[in-house]
Amino acid sequence: MRILVVYTHPFAGSLAHAALERVLKGLEEGRHEVKIIDLYAEAFDPVLREAEWHDYSADPMKIARGAMRAHVERLEWAEGLVFVHPTWTFGLPAMLKGWLDRVLLPGVSFELPEEGSKAVRSRLRGIKLVGLVTTTGSPWWVMLLAGSPGKKTLMRSIRLGFALRCQRVHVCLHAVDTCSHEKRVAFLKRVERRFSSVR
């Protein structure tokens, strides 16, 4: 499978980066073809500016062929999407949220409804895998009470536009700031194991 991994963390010595390495190792064991977008390393600009906002409705392909071309091409190439990032303020890092806003464009990831219709049509039905690897500072029960908005955005809302039988892989380490070294090691092993079993 052709898998695009979208990685979001500013520090190469982070647990998130170690998790990224385990994702890649697992996917390599499964003989998948992988491309990576490292948003911080690429100095991705997450800000949707006014001119681009106007083009979003009027001429989204201008964005897709222009500023976001490299990202759109990798998205269109992919049969699977894996997101690796920390959970900050109960949700997605702003860098990743900006990527979603700027890359999941009309004409790229969906078609806006035609006059008289209410249905948005997906253009990402070829995505057969969605994965999420994340850590949280909060314990699991706090995330449950908060509603896990980041997880829901990626694993539920956006996934609605993917293949009907889209595989889901979710690995999370809660209370990362206070957990033991052994729990971190077990988390990394679980990440590799889960992604090596992707078919």
N, C-alpha and C. Protein backbone atom coordinates (compact mmCIF):
# COMPACT_ATOMS: atom_id res chain seq x y z
N MET A 1 0.84 -1.19 0.00
CA MET A 1 0.00 0.00 0.00
C MET A 1 0.89 1.25 0.00
N ARG A 2 0.43 2.29 -0.66
CA ARG A 2 1.13 3.58 -0.65
C ARG A 2 0.63 4.39 0.54
N ILE A 3 1.53 4.66 1.47
CA ILE A 3 1.11 5.29 2.73
C ILE A 3 1.83 6.61 2.94
N LEU A 4 1.05 7.64 3.21
CA LEU A 4 1.59 8.96 3.53
C LEU A 4 1.54 9.15 5.04
N VAL A 5 2.69 9.42 5.63
CA VAL A 5 2.79 9.67 7.07
C VAL A 5 2.96 11.17 7.28
N VAL A 6 2.07 11.76 8.04
CA VAL A 6 2.14 13.20 8.35
C VAL A 6 2.58 13.33 9.80
N TYR A 7 3.79 13.85 9.98
CA TYR A 7 4.42 13.92 11.30
C TYR A 7 4.48 15.37 11.77
N THR A 8 4.11 15.59 13.04
CA THR A 8 4.07 16.94 13.58
C THR A 8 4.70 16.98 14.97
N HIS A 9 5.92 17.43 15.05
CA HIS A 9 6.58 17.72 16.34
C HIS A 9 7.85 18.51 16.05
N PRO A 10 8.14 19.55 16.85
CA PRO A 10 9.30 20.38 16.56
C PRO A 10 10.64 19.81 17.00
N PHE A 11 10.64 18.76 17.86
CA PHE A 11 11.88 18.29 18.48
C PHE A 11 12.20 16.86 18.06
N ALA A 12 13.37 16.68 17.43
CA ALA A 12 13.76 15.36 16.94
C ALA A 12 14.05 14.36 18.05
N GLY A 13 14.25 14.84 19.28
CA GLY A 13 14.51 13.94 20.40
C GLY A 13 13.25 13.57 21.17
N SER A 14 12.09 13.86 20.62
CA SER A 14 10.83 13.64 21.34
C SER A 14 10.37 12.18 21.26
N LEU A 15 9.45 11.84 22.14
CA LEU A 15 8.82 10.52 22.09
C LEU A 15 8.02 10.39 20.79
N ALA A 16 7.43 11.48 20.33
CA ALA A 16 6.70 11.45 19.06
C ALA A 16 7.62 11.05 17.91
N HIS A 17 8.86 11.54 17.92
CA HIS A 17 9.80 11.17 16.86
C HIS A 17 10.19 9.70 16.97
N ALA A 18 10.36 9.22 18.19
CA ALA A 18 10.64 7.79 18.39
C ALA A 18 9.47 6.96 17.87
N ALA A 19 8.24 7.43 18.10
CA ALA A 19 7.06 6.73 17.60
C ALA A 19 7.03 6.74 16.08
N LEU A 20 7.40 7.87 15.47
CA LEU A 20 7.48 7.95 14.02
C LEU A 20 8.42 6.88 13.48
N GLU A 21 9.59 6.74 14.10
CA GLU A 21 10.55 5.74 13.66
C GLU A 21 9.97 4.33 13.75
N ARG A 22 9.19 4.06 14.78
CA ARG A 22 8.56 2.75 14.93
C ARG A 22 7.45 2.54 13.90
N VAL A 23 6.71 3.58 13.59
CA VAL A 23 5.70 3.49 12.52
C VAL A 23 6.39 3.11 11.21
N LEU A 24 7.47 3.81 10.89
CA LEU A 24 8.18 3.56 9.63
C LEU A 24 8.77 2.16 9.60
N LYS A 25 9.31 1.70 10.73
CA LYS A 25 9.87 0.35 10.79
C LYS A 25 8.78 -0.69 10.58
N GLY A 26 7.64 -0.50 11.24
CA GLY A 26 6.53 -1.43 11.08
C GLY A 26 6.03 -1.47 9.64
N LEU A 27 5.88 -0.32 9.02
CA LEU A 27 5.41 -0.27 7.63
C LEU A 27 6.43 -0.87 6.68
N GLU A 28 7.71 -0.70 6.99
CA GLU A 28 8.77 -1.31 6.18
C GLU A 28 8.68 -2.83 6.26
N GLU A 29 8.43 -3.36 7.47
CA GLU A 29 8.27 -4.81 7.63
C GLU A 29 7.12 -5.33 6.79
N GLY A 30 6.08 -4.52 6.64
CA GLY A 30 4.93 -4.90 5.82
C GLY A 30 5.12 -4.62 4.34
N ARG A 31 6.30 -4.13 3.97
CA ARG A 31 6.67 -3.85 2.58
C ARG A 31 5.76 -2.80 1.91
N HIS A 32 5.38 -1.81 2.67
CA HIS A 32 4.57 -0.72 2.12
C HIS A 32 5.49 0.35 1.54
N GLU A 33 4.97 1.09 0.59
CA GLU A 33 5.69 2.23 0.02
C GLU A 33 5.28 3.45 0.83
N VAL A 34 6.26 4.18 1.37
CA VAL A 34 5.96 5.25 2.33
C VAL A 34 6.57 6.58 1.89
N LYS A 35 5.79 7.64 2.06
CA LYS A 35 6.28 9.01 1.94
C LYS A 35 5.97 9.71 3.24
N ILE A 36 6.83 10.65 3.62
CA ILE A 36 6.67 11.36 4.89
C ILE A 36 6.54 12.86 4.64
N ILE A 37 5.63 13.47 5.36
CA ILE A 37 5.57 14.93 5.45
C ILE A 37 5.91 15.27 6.90
N ASP A 38 7.04 15.92 7.10
CA ASP A 38 7.45 16.39 8.42
C ASP A 38 7.17 17.90 8.44
N LEU A 39 6.05 18.27 9.03
CA LEU A 39 5.57 19.65 8.92
C LEU A 39 6.55 20.67 9.48
N TYR A 40 7.18 20.37 10.60
CA TYR A 40 8.14 21.32 11.18
C TYR A 40 9.42 21.37 10.35
N ALA A 41 9.93 20.22 9.92
CA ALA A 41 11.16 20.19 9.12
C ALA A 41 10.97 20.93 7.80
N GLU A 42 9.76 20.86 7.25
CA GLU A 42 9.46 21.54 5.99
C GLU A 42 9.09 23.01 6.21
N ALA A 43 9.06 23.45 7.47
CA ALA A 43 8.65 24.82 7.81
C ALA A 43 7.30 25.15 7.18
N PHE A 44 6.38 24.19 7.28
CA PHE A 44 5.04 24.38 6.73
C PHE A 44 4.36 25.58 7.39
N ASP A 45 3.72 26.40 6.58
CA ASP A 45 2.99 27.56 7.10
C ASP A 45 1.52 27.15 7.27
N PRO A 46 1.04 27.03 8.51
CA PRO A 46 -0.34 26.58 8.73
C PRO A 46 -1.39 27.67 8.58
N VAL A 47 -0.97 28.89 8.32
CA VAL A 47 -1.91 30.02 8.32
C VAL A 47 -2.63 30.13 6.97
N LEU A 48 -3.94 30.07 7.02
CA LEU A 48 -4.78 30.30 5.86
C LEU A 48 -5.02 31.80 5.74
N ARG A 49 -4.35 32.42 4.77
CA ARG A 49 -4.41 33.87 4.64
C ARG A 49 -5.63 34.31 3.82
N GLU A 50 -5.93 35.61 3.86
CA GLU A 50 -7.17 36.10 3.25
C GLU A 50 -7.28 35.75 1.77
N ALA A 51 -6.22 35.97 1.00
CA ALA A 51 -6.28 35.69 -0.44
C ALA A 51 -6.57 34.21 -0.69
N GLU A 52 -5.94 33.35 0.09
CA GLU A 52 -6.16 31.91 -0.07
C GLU A 52 -7.58 31.53 0.36
N TRP A 53 -8.08 32.21 1.38
CA TRP A 53 -9.45 31.96 1.84
C TRP A 53 -10.45 32.26 0.72
N HIS A 54 -10.22 33.35 -0.02
CA HIS A 54 -11.10 33.69 -1.15
C HIS A 54 -11.00 32.62 -2.24
N ASP A 55 -9.77 32.17 -2.52
CA ASP A 55 -9.57 31.14 -3.55
C ASP A 55 -10.18 29.80 -3.15
N TYR A 56 -10.27 29.53 -1.86
CA TYR A 56 -10.81 28.26 -1.36
C TYR A 56 -12.18 27.98 -1.98
N SER A 57 -13.03 28.98 -2.08
CA SER A 57 -14.36 28.81 -2.68
C SER A 57 -14.36 29.13 -4.17
N ALA A 58 -13.66 30.19 -4.55
CA ALA A 58 -13.71 30.66 -5.94
C ALA A 58 -12.87 29.81 -6.89
N ASP A 59 -11.66 29.41 -6.48
CA ASP A 59 -10.76 28.67 -7.36
C ASP A 59 -9.79 27.82 -6.52
N PRO A 60 -10.30 26.76 -5.85
CA PRO A 60 -9.44 25.97 -4.98
C PRO A 60 -8.28 25.30 -5.72
N MET A 61 -8.46 25.03 -7.01
CA MET A 61 -7.37 24.39 -7.75
C MET A 61 -6.18 25.33 -7.94
N LYS A 62 -6.42 26.62 -7.82
CA LYS A 62 -5.31 27.58 -7.84
C LYS A 62 -4.38 27.31 -6.65
N ILE A 63 -4.97 27.00 -5.49
CA ILE A 63 -4.19 26.65 -4.30
C ILE A 63 -3.52 25.30 -4.51
N ALA A 64 -4.30 24.33 -5.02
CA ALA A 64 -3.80 22.97 -5.21
C ALA A 64 -2.64 22.92 -6.19
N ARG A 65 -2.67 23.77 -7.20
CA ARG A 65 -1.59 23.80 -8.20
C ARG A 65 -0.47 24.76 -7.81
N GLY A 66 -0.73 25.57 -6.77
CA GLY A 66 0.25 26.58 -6.36
C GLY A 66 0.93 26.23 -5.06
N ALA A 67 0.60 26.98 -4.01
CA ALA A 67 1.30 26.86 -2.73
C ALA A 67 1.25 25.47 -2.13
N MET A 68 0.17 24.74 -2.33
CA MET A 68 0.00 23.43 -1.70
C MET A 68 0.27 22.26 -2.65
N ARG A 69 0.85 22.55 -3.80
CA ARG A 69 1.01 21.52 -4.83
C ARG A 69 1.72 20.26 -4.33
N ALA A 70 2.86 20.40 -3.68
CA ALA A 70 3.63 19.23 -3.23
C ALA A 70 2.83 18.39 -2.24
N HIS A 71 2.08 19.05 -1.38
CA HIS A 71 1.28 18.34 -0.38
C HIS A 71 0.08 17.65 -1.02
N VAL A 72 -0.57 18.34 -1.94
CA VAL A 72 -1.72 17.76 -2.64
C VAL A 72 -1.29 16.55 -3.46
N GLU A 73 -0.15 16.65 -4.13
CA GLU A 73 0.33 15.52 -4.94
C GLU A 73 0.59 14.29 -4.07
N ARG A 74 1.17 14.50 -2.89
CA ARG A 74 1.41 13.36 -1.99
C ARG A 74 0.10 12.79 -1.46
N LEU A 75 -0.86 13.65 -1.17
CA LEU A 75 -2.17 13.17 -0.71
C LEU A 75 -2.85 12.35 -1.81
N GLU A 76 -2.81 12.83 -3.03
CA GLU A 76 -3.45 12.12 -4.14
C GLU A 76 -2.75 10.80 -4.45
N TRP A 77 -1.47 10.70 -4.15
CA TRP A 77 -0.70 9.47 -4.35
C TRP A 77 -1.09 8.40 -3.33
N ALA A 78 -1.51 8.81 -2.16
CA ALA A 78 -1.66 7.91 -1.01
C ALA A 78 -2.89 7.02 -1.08
N GLU A 79 -2.71 5.79 -0.55
CA GLU A 79 -3.82 4.86 -0.30
C GLU A 79 -4.05 4.72 1.20
N GLY A 80 -3.15 5.27 1.99
CA GLY A 80 -3.27 5.25 3.44
C GLY A 80 -2.69 6.53 4.02
N LEU A 81 -3.28 6.99 5.12
CA LEU A 81 -2.80 8.19 5.82
C LEU A 81 -2.54 7.83 7.27
N VAL A 82 -1.35 8.20 7.76
CA VAL A 82 -1.00 7.97 9.17
C VAL A 82 -0.55 9.31 9.75
N PHE A 83 -1.12 9.66 10.88
CA PHE A 83 -0.77 10.91 11.57
C PHE A 83 -0.03 10.58 12.85
N VAL A 84 1.14 11.19 13.04
CA VAL A 84 1.93 11.00 14.26
C VAL A 84 2.16 12.38 14.86
N HIS A 85 1.64 12.58 16.08
CA HIS A 85 1.75 13.89 16.71
C HIS A 85 1.40 13.79 18.18
N PRO A 86 1.82 14.76 18.98
CA PRO A 86 1.35 14.84 20.36
C PRO A 86 -0.05 15.46 20.39
N THR A 87 -0.79 15.18 21.43
CA THR A 87 -2.07 15.85 21.65
C THR A 87 -1.80 17.04 22.55
N TRP A 88 -2.11 18.23 22.05
CA TRP A 88 -1.89 19.46 22.81
C TRP A 88 -3.23 20.15 23.03
N THR A 89 -3.49 20.59 24.22
CA THR A 89 -4.74 21.25 24.59
C THR A 89 -5.93 20.40 24.13
N PHE A 90 -5.82 19.10 24.37
CA PHE A 90 -6.85 18.10 24.07
C PHE A 90 -7.06 17.85 22.58
N GLY A 91 -6.31 18.52 21.71
CA GLY A 91 -6.58 18.36 20.28
C GLY A 91 -5.33 18.29 19.44
N LEU A 92 -5.51 18.64 18.17
CA LEU A 92 -4.42 18.59 17.20
C LEU A 92 -3.48 19.78 17.39
N PRO A 93 -2.17 19.58 17.18
CA PRO A 93 -1.27 20.73 17.13
C PRO A 93 -1.74 21.70 16.03
N ALA A 94 -1.59 22.99 16.27
CA ALA A 94 -2.04 24.00 15.30
C ALA A 94 -1.42 23.78 13.92
N MET A 95 -0.17 23.32 13.90
CA MET A 95 0.51 23.06 12.63
C MET A 95 -0.26 22.02 11.81
N LEU A 96 -0.70 20.96 12.45
CA LEU A 96 -1.45 19.91 11.75
C LEU A 96 -2.84 20.38 11.36
N LYS A 97 -3.50 21.11 12.24
CA LYS A 97 -4.83 21.64 11.91
C LYS A 97 -4.74 22.56 10.69
N GLY A 98 -3.68 23.37 10.63
CA GLY A 98 -3.48 24.22 9.47
C GLY A 98 -3.24 23.43 8.20
N TRP A 99 -2.53 22.30 8.32
CA TRP A 99 -2.30 21.43 7.16
C TRP A 99 -3.63 20.90 6.64
N LEU A 100 -4.47 20.43 7.54
CA LEU A 100 -5.79 19.92 7.13
C LEU A 100 -6.59 21.02 6.43
N ASP A 101 -6.59 22.22 7.01
CA ASP A 101 -7.35 23.34 6.44
C ASP A 101 -6.85 23.73 5.05
N ARG A 102 -5.54 23.67 4.84
CA ARG A 102 -4.96 24.17 3.59
C ARG A 102 -4.84 23.11 2.50
N VAL A 103 -4.83 21.82 2.89
CA VAL A 103 -4.60 20.75 1.91
C VAL A 103 -5.87 19.99 1.54
N LEU A 104 -6.78 19.80 2.48
CA LEU A 104 -8.02 19.07 2.18
C LEU A 104 -9.00 20.03 1.50
N LEU A 105 -8.71 20.31 0.26
CA LEU A 105 -9.40 21.35 -0.52
C LEU A 105 -10.58 20.80 -1.32
N PRO A 106 -11.56 21.65 -1.63
CA PRO A 106 -12.57 21.27 -2.61
C PRO A 106 -11.87 20.94 -3.93
N GLY A 107 -12.30 19.89 -4.59
CA GLY A 107 -11.65 19.47 -5.83
C GLY A 107 -10.48 18.55 -5.60
N VAL A 108 -10.00 18.48 -4.36
CA VAL A 108 -8.91 17.58 -4.00
C VAL A 108 -9.44 16.47 -3.11
N SER A 109 -10.02 16.84 -1.98
CA SER A 109 -10.51 15.82 -1.05
C SER A 109 -12.03 15.67 -1.08
N PHE A 110 -12.72 16.64 -1.61
CA PHE A 110 -14.18 16.55 -1.71
C PHE A 110 -14.70 17.51 -2.77
N GLU A 111 -15.94 17.29 -3.17
CA GLU A 111 -16.63 18.20 -4.08
C GLU A 111 -17.76 18.87 -3.30
N LEU A 112 -17.84 20.17 -3.39
CA LEU A 112 -18.94 20.90 -2.74
C LEU A 112 -20.26 20.52 -3.41
N PRO A 113 -21.36 20.58 -2.66
CA PRO A 113 -22.65 20.22 -3.24
C PRO A 113 -23.04 21.15 -4.39
N GLU A 114 -23.67 20.55 -5.39
CA GLU A 114 -24.19 21.35 -6.48
C GLU A 114 -25.50 21.98 -6.03
N GLU A 115 -25.93 22.99 -6.75
CA GLU A 115 -27.17 23.67 -6.38
C GLU A 115 -28.32 22.66 -6.31
N GLY A 116 -29.08 22.72 -5.24
CA GLY A 116 -30.20 21.81 -5.05
C GLY A 116 -29.82 20.52 -4.32
N SER A 117 -28.53 20.34 -4.07
CA SER A 117 -28.05 19.14 -3.37
C SER A 117 -27.44 19.55 -2.03
N LYS A 118 -27.51 18.66 -1.07
CA LYS A 118 -26.92 18.94 0.24
C LYS A 118 -25.67 18.11 0.49
N ALA A 119 -25.42 17.15 -0.36
CA ALA A 119 -24.36 16.18 -0.10
C ALA A 119 -23.00 16.63 -0.64
N VAL A 120 -22.02 16.59 0.24
CA VAL A 120 -20.62 16.77 -0.16
C VAL A 120 -20.14 15.41 -0.66
N ARG A 121 -19.47 15.37 -1.81
CA ARG A 121 -18.97 14.10 -2.36
C ARG A 121 -17.47 13.99 -2.11
N SER A 122 -17.07 12.85 -1.58
CA SER A 122 -15.65 12.62 -1.28
C SER A 122 -14.85 12.33 -2.53
N ARG A 123 -13.61 12.76 -2.54
CA ARG A 123 -12.66 12.40 -3.59
C ARG A 123 -11.53 11.56 -3.01
N LEU A 124 -11.71 11.08 -1.77
CA LEU A 124 -10.66 10.30 -1.10
C LEU A 124 -11.11 8.87 -0.80
N ARG A 125 -12.00 8.33 -1.59
CA ARG A 125 -12.50 6.97 -1.35
C ARG A 125 -11.41 5.92 -1.55
N GLY A 126 -10.30 6.30 -2.17
CA GLY A 126 -9.18 5.37 -2.35
C GLY A 126 -8.32 5.20 -1.11
N ILE A 127 -8.59 5.99 -0.07
CA ILE A 127 -7.83 5.86 1.19
C ILE A 127 -8.38 4.67 1.96
N LYS A 128 -7.53 3.63 2.11
CA LYS A 128 -7.97 2.37 2.73
C LYS A 128 -7.45 2.19 4.16
N LEU A 129 -6.65 3.14 4.62
CA LEU A 129 -6.08 3.05 5.97
C LEU A 129 -5.99 4.45 6.56
N VAL A 130 -6.41 4.60 7.80
CA VAL A 130 -6.14 5.83 8.54
C VAL A 130 -5.54 5.41 9.88
N GLY A 131 -4.40 6.01 10.20
CA GLY A 131 -3.71 5.68 11.45
C GLY A 131 -3.45 6.93 12.26
N LEU A 132 -3.45 6.75 13.56
CA LEU A 132 -3.15 7.85 14.48
C LEU A 132 -2.28 7.32 15.60
N VAL A 133 -1.13 7.95 15.77
CA VAL A 133 -0.24 7.65 16.89
C VAL A 133 -0.04 8.96 17.64
N THR A 134 -0.41 8.96 18.92
CA THR A 134 -0.35 10.20 19.67
C THR A 134 -0.06 9.93 21.14
N THR A 135 0.28 10.99 21.84
CA THR A 135 0.47 10.95 23.29
C THR A 135 -0.38 12.06 23.89
N THR A 136 -0.77 11.87 25.14
CA THR A 136 -1.51 12.92 25.85
C THR A 136 -0.87 13.16 27.20
N GLY A 137 -0.93 14.38 27.67
CA GLY A 137 -0.45 14.67 29.02
C GLY A 137 -1.47 14.24 30.06
N SER A 138 -2.71 14.16 29.65
CA SER A 138 -3.80 13.81 30.57
C SER A 138 -4.00 12.30 30.65
N PRO A 139 -4.54 11.82 31.77
CA PRO A 139 -4.92 10.41 31.84
C PRO A 139 -6.11 10.13 30.92
N TRP A 140 -6.35 8.85 30.64
CA TRP A 140 -7.38 8.46 29.68
C TRP A 140 -8.75 9.00 30.05
N TRP A 141 -9.06 9.02 31.34
CA TRP A 141 -10.41 9.41 31.75
C TRP A 141 -10.66 10.91 31.55
N VAL A 142 -9.60 11.72 31.65
CA VAL A 142 -9.74 13.16 31.37
C VAL A 142 -9.99 13.36 29.88
N MET A 143 -9.26 12.60 29.04
CA MET A 143 -9.48 12.69 27.60
C MET A 143 -10.90 12.25 27.24
N LEU A 144 -11.38 11.24 27.93
CA LEU A 144 -12.76 10.77 27.70
C LEU A 144 -13.76 11.88 28.03
N LEU A 145 -13.58 12.52 29.18
CA LEU A 145 -14.46 13.62 29.57
C LEU A 145 -14.38 14.79 28.60
N ALA A 146 -13.18 15.06 28.09
CA ALA A 146 -12.98 16.18 27.15
C ALA A 146 -13.50 15.85 25.75
N GLY A 147 -13.76 14.58 25.50
CA GLY A 147 -14.31 14.18 24.20
C GLY A 147 -13.28 13.82 23.14
N SER A 148 -12.00 13.86 23.48
CA SER A 148 -10.92 13.52 22.54
C SER A 148 -11.13 14.16 21.16
N PRO A 149 -11.20 15.49 21.10
CA PRO A 149 -11.53 16.14 19.82
C PRO A 149 -10.52 15.89 18.70
N GLY A 150 -9.24 15.80 19.03
CA GLY A 150 -8.24 15.54 17.98
C GLY A 150 -8.44 14.17 17.36
N LYS A 151 -8.62 13.17 18.20
CA LYS A 151 -8.87 11.81 17.72
C LYS A 151 -10.13 11.77 16.87
N LYS A 152 -11.19 12.41 17.33
CA LYS A 152 -12.45 12.39 16.58
C LYS A 152 -12.31 13.07 15.22
N THR A 153 -11.53 14.14 15.16
CA THR A 153 -11.33 14.82 13.88
C THR A 153 -10.72 13.88 12.85
N LEU A 154 -9.66 13.15 13.25
CA LEU A 154 -8.94 12.30 12.30
C LEU A 154 -9.58 10.93 12.10
N MET A 155 -10.02 10.32 13.18
CA MET A 155 -10.47 8.93 13.11
C MET A 155 -11.97 8.79 12.83
N ARG A 156 -12.70 9.88 12.95
CA ARG A 156 -14.14 9.81 12.70
C ARG A 156 -14.56 10.78 11.60
N SER A 157 -14.37 12.07 11.81
CA SER A 157 -14.89 13.07 10.86
C SER A 157 -14.24 12.96 9.49
N ILE A 158 -12.92 13.03 9.43
CA ILE A 158 -12.23 12.98 8.14
C ILE A 158 -12.34 11.59 7.53
N ARG A 159 -12.32 10.57 8.36
CA ARG A 159 -12.41 9.19 7.87
C ARG A 159 -13.71 8.93 7.12
N LEU A 160 -14.75 9.69 7.39
CA LEU A 160 -16.02 9.52 6.68
C LEU A 160 -15.84 9.62 5.17
N GLY A 161 -14.82 10.35 4.72
CA GLY A 161 -14.59 10.50 3.29
C GLY A 161 -13.71 9.43 2.68
N PHE A 162 -13.24 8.50 3.48
CA PHE A 162 -12.34 7.45 2.99
C PHE A 162 -13.14 6.22 2.55
N ALA A 163 -12.43 5.16 2.15
CA ALA A 163 -13.08 3.92 1.73
C ALA A 163 -14.01 3.41 2.83
N LEU A 164 -15.10 2.77 2.43
CA LEU A 164 -16.09 2.31 3.40
C LEU A 164 -15.51 1.33 4.41
N ARG A 165 -14.61 0.48 3.97
CA ARG A 165 -13.98 -0.50 4.87
C ARG A 165 -12.56 -0.08 5.25
N CYS A 166 -12.39 1.19 5.43
CA CYS A 166 -11.08 1.76 5.77
C CYS A 166 -10.57 1.17 7.09
N GLN A 167 -9.34 0.63 7.05
CA GLN A 167 -8.70 0.14 8.29
C GLN A 167 -8.41 1.32 9.21
N ARG A 168 -8.54 1.08 10.50
CA ARG A 168 -8.19 2.11 11.48
C ARG A 168 -7.15 1.54 12.44
N VAL A 169 -6.09 2.30 12.64
CA VAL A 169 -5.06 1.93 13.61
C VAL A 169 -4.86 3.13 14.53
N HIS A 170 -5.11 2.93 15.81
CA HIS A 170 -4.97 4.02 16.78
C HIS A 170 -4.13 3.52 17.95
N VAL A 171 -3.03 4.21 18.22
CA VAL A 171 -2.17 3.87 19.36
C VAL A 171 -1.91 5.16 20.13
N CYS A 172 -2.23 5.14 21.42
CA CYS A 172 -2.09 6.34 22.24
C CYS A 172 -1.45 5.99 23.58
N LEU A 173 -0.57 6.86 24.03
CA LEU A 173 -0.01 6.76 25.38
C LEU A 173 -0.52 7.94 26.18
N HIS A 174 -1.33 7.65 27.19
CA HIS A 174 -1.89 8.70 28.05
C HIS A 174 -0.93 9.03 29.20
N ALA A 175 -1.12 10.19 29.79
CA ALA A 175 -0.35 10.64 30.96
C ALA A 175 1.15 10.50 30.70
N VAL A 176 1.58 10.94 29.52
CA VAL A 176 2.96 10.73 29.09
C VAL A 176 3.98 11.42 30.01
N ASP A 177 3.60 12.52 30.61
CA ASP A 177 4.54 13.28 31.45
C ASP A 177 4.88 12.57 32.75
N THR A 178 3.99 11.69 33.19
CA THR A 178 4.20 11.03 34.49
C THR A 178 4.32 9.52 34.39
N CYS A 179 4.23 8.96 33.19
CA CYS A 179 4.29 7.50 33.08
C CYS A 179 5.73 7.01 33.20
N SER A 180 5.87 5.74 33.45
CA SER A 180 7.20 5.13 33.65
C SER A 180 7.92 4.93 32.32
N HIS A 181 9.22 4.73 32.42
CA HIS A 181 10.04 4.41 31.25
C HIS A 181 9.53 3.12 30.60
N GLU A 182 9.14 2.16 31.42
CA GLU A 182 8.65 0.88 30.91
C GLU A 182 7.39 1.07 30.07
N LYS A 183 6.51 1.97 30.49
CA LYS A 183 5.29 2.23 29.71
C LYS A 183 5.61 2.87 28.37
N ARG A 184 6.61 3.73 28.35
CA ARG A 184 7.02 4.36 27.08
C ARG A 184 7.59 3.32 26.13
N VAL A 185 8.42 2.44 26.66
CA VAL A 185 9.01 1.37 25.84
C VAL A 185 7.91 0.47 25.29
N ALA A 186 6.95 0.11 26.14
CA ALA A 186 5.84 -0.75 25.72
C ALA A 186 5.00 -0.06 24.64
N PHE A 187 4.80 1.24 24.78
CA PHE A 187 4.07 2.02 23.79
C PHE A 187 4.76 1.94 22.43
N LEU A 188 6.07 2.15 22.41
CA LEU A 188 6.81 2.12 21.15
C LEU A 188 6.76 0.73 20.51
N LYS A 189 6.85 -0.31 21.32
CA LYS A 189 6.74 -1.67 20.79
C LYS A 189 5.35 -1.91 20.20
N ARG A 190 4.33 -1.40 20.87
CA ARG A 190 2.95 -1.56 20.39
C ARG A 190 2.76 -0.83 19.06
N VAL A 191 3.35 0.35 18.93
CA VAL A 191 3.27 1.11 17.68
C VAL A 191 3.85 0.28 16.54
N GLU A 192 5.05 -0.23 16.72
CA GLU A 192 5.69 -1.01 15.65
C GLU A 192 4.87 -2.25 15.31
N ARG A 193 4.40 -2.94 16.33
CA ARG A 193 3.62 -4.17 16.12
C ARG A 193 2.34 -3.88 15.34
N ARG A 194 1.64 -2.83 15.72
CA ARG A 194 0.36 -2.51 15.05
C ARG A 194 0.58 -2.14 13.58
N PHE A 195 1.65 -1.40 13.29
CA PHE A 195 1.85 -0.98 11.90
C PHE A 195 2.52 -2.06 11.06
N SER A 196 3.19 -3.00 11.69
CA SER A 196 3.74 -4.12 10.91
C SER A 196 2.63 -5.07 10.47
N SER A 197 1.46 -5.00 11.12
CA SER A 197 0.35 -5.88 10.77
C SER A 197 -0.63 -5.24 9.78
N VAL A 198 -0.36 -4.03 9.33
CA VAL A 198 -1.22 -3.37 8.34
C VAL A 198 -1.11 -4.11 7.02
N ARG A 199 -2.25 -4.40 6.43
CA ARG A 199 -2.26 -5.11 5.13
C ARG A 199 -2.99 -4.29 4.08
